[in-house]
Amino acid sequence: MSSREIAKVVIAGLEDKKAEDIKIIDISNVSVIADYFIIASGQNKNQVQAMADIVEEKLLEVDVRPKQIEGYQTANWILMDFHDVIVHIFNEEDRLFYNLEKIWLDGKVIDVDEL
């Protein structure tokens, strides 16, 4: 499965759980760590965890397993590494604090519809 197809599955899961402010950043030309960063926010711990759960569930259905998942218990920032697609699910406050969109300005922001 291509990284673009994985990203589509991730977006579908996030949208199912009403993720807010979903951003897709193509970092393939600026970093070797992944092709895409997907960043989304949730209102509270339960929603953030539910978003992570559905992303993992939908990817397991297409036989894509995470390399690593961090931050699930606290749910301030859950990082899900699916090799070429890295998913960042934040609560609103931590997303503003870490501001990954600013850090990765060299990447290309892709509209959800472009995937």
Protein backbone atom coordinates (compact mmCIF):
# COMPACT_ATOMS: atom_id res chain seq x y z
CA MET A 1 0.00 0.00 0.00
CA SER A 2 1.42 3.39 -0.98
CA SER A 3 1.91 6.19 1.52
CA ARG A 4 -0.76 8.19 -0.31
CA GLU A 5 -3.28 5.34 0.12
CA ILE A 6 -2.35 5.02 3.81
CA ALA A 7 -2.89 8.76 4.23
CA LYS A 8 -6.36 8.45 2.69
CA VAL A 9 -7.30 5.72 5.18
CA VAL A 10 -5.98 7.85 8.06
CA ILE A 11 -7.99 10.88 6.93
CA ALA A 12 -11.16 8.79 6.63
CA GLY A 13 -10.74 7.56 10.20
CA LEU A 14 -10.04 11.01 11.57
CA GLU A 15 -13.07 12.43 9.80
CA ASP A 16 -15.24 9.60 11.21
CA LYS A 17 -14.34 10.75 14.73
CA LYS A 18 -14.89 14.45 13.96
CA ALA A 19 -11.22 15.45 14.09
CA GLU A 20 -10.67 19.18 13.89
CA ASP A 21 -8.31 21.13 11.65
CA ILE A 22 -6.83 18.16 9.77
CA LYS A 23 -3.60 19.09 7.99
CA ILE A 24 -1.60 16.95 5.61
CA ILE A 25 2.00 17.99 5.07
CA ASP A 26 4.02 16.36 2.30
CA ILE A 27 7.54 16.23 3.72
CA SER A 28 8.96 13.80 1.15
CA ASN A 29 11.16 16.49 -0.41
CA VAL A 30 12.49 17.87 2.89
CA SER A 31 13.03 14.78 5.06
CA VAL A 32 13.75 11.08 4.83
CA ILE A 33 11.72 10.19 7.94
CA ALA A 34 8.37 10.01 6.13
CA ASP A 35 6.38 11.11 3.10
CA TYR A 36 3.48 12.65 5.04
CA PHE A 37 2.73 14.17 8.40
CA ILE A 38 -0.95 14.20 9.24
CA ILE A 39 -1.92 16.51 12.07
CA ALA A 40 -5.33 16.71 13.74
CA SER A 41 -6.91 17.94 16.96
CA GLY A 42 -9.53 16.67 19.34
CA GLN A 43 -11.57 18.39 22.03
CA ASN A 44 -10.71 16.10 24.94
CA LYS A 45 -8.79 12.98 26.00
CA ASN A 46 -11.60 10.60 25.01
CA GLN A 47 -11.91 12.03 21.52
CA VAL A 48 -8.14 12.08 20.97
CA GLN A 49 -7.89 8.43 22.01
CA ALA A 50 -10.91 7.49 19.88
CA MET A 51 -9.25 9.12 16.88
CA ALA A 52 -6.08 7.10 17.46
CA ASP A 53 -8.11 3.92 17.93
CA ILE A 54 -10.02 4.32 14.67
CA VAL A 55 -6.87 5.16 12.69
CA GLU A 56 -5.14 2.04 13.97
CA GLU A 57 -8.27 -0.09 13.40
CA LYS A 58 -8.79 1.10 9.82
CA LEU A 59 -5.14 0.55 8.93
CA LEU A 60 -5.10 -2.92 10.48
CA GLU A 61 -8.06 -3.76 8.21
CA VAL A 62 -5.77 -3.14 5.22
CA ASP A 63 -2.84 -4.93 6.89
CA VAL A 64 -0.84 -1.81 7.79
CA ARG A 65 0.66 -2.06 11.26
CA PRO A 66 2.15 0.79 13.26
CA LYS A 67 5.87 0.87 13.79
CA GLN A 68 5.29 2.75 17.03
CA ILE A 69 2.59 4.60 18.96
CA GLU A 70 3.45 7.05 21.73
CA GLY A 71 1.44 9.22 24.08
CA TYR A 72 -1.79 7.23 24.09
CA GLN A 73 -2.26 7.16 27.87
CA THR A 74 -2.01 10.91 28.41
CA ALA A 75 -3.62 11.75 25.04
CA ASN A 76 -2.09 15.23 24.93
CA TRP A 77 -0.16 14.30 21.79
CA ILE A 78 -0.46 10.85 20.28
CA LEU A 79 2.21 10.08 17.72
CA MET A 80 1.48 7.15 15.40
CA ASP A 81 4.33 6.05 13.15
CA PHE A 82 3.19 4.08 10.11
CA HIS A 83 6.63 4.21 8.42
CA ASP A 84 6.02 6.68 5.57
CA VAL A 85 3.01 8.30 7.23
CA ILE A 86 3.29 9.82 10.68
CA VAL A 87 0.07 10.82 12.41
CA HIS A 88 0.02 13.47 15.15
CA ILE A 89 -3.21 13.71 17.14
CA PHE A 90 -3.26 16.56 19.64
CA ASN A 91 -5.50 18.14 22.18
CA GLU A 92 -6.03 21.77 21.17
CA GLU A 93 -3.70 23.32 23.75
CA ASP A 94 -0.70 21.11 22.97
CA ARG A 95 -1.17 21.53 19.24
CA LEU A 96 -0.86 25.29 19.63
CA PHE A 97 2.17 24.89 21.90
CA TYR A 98 4.16 22.53 19.65
CA ASN A 99 3.01 24.14 16.38
CA LEU A 100 4.30 21.42 14.04
CA GLU A 101 2.86 23.24 11.06
CA LYS A 102 5.34 26.07 11.65
CA ILE A 103 8.27 23.72 12.24
CA TRP A 104 7.58 21.92 8.95
CA LEU A 105 6.99 25.04 6.81
CA ASP A 106 9.32 23.63 4.14
CA GLY A 107 6.83 20.82 3.53
CA LYS A 108 3.89 21.22 1.17
CA VAL A 109 0.47 21.45 2.79
CA ILE A 110 -1.95 19.29 0.82
CA ASP A 111 -5.69 19.78 0.84
CA VAL A 112 -7.63 16.72 1.92
CA ASP A 113 -9.40 16.71 -1.45
CA GLU A 114 -6.04 16.52 -3.29
CA LEU A 115 -5.30 13.08 -1.85
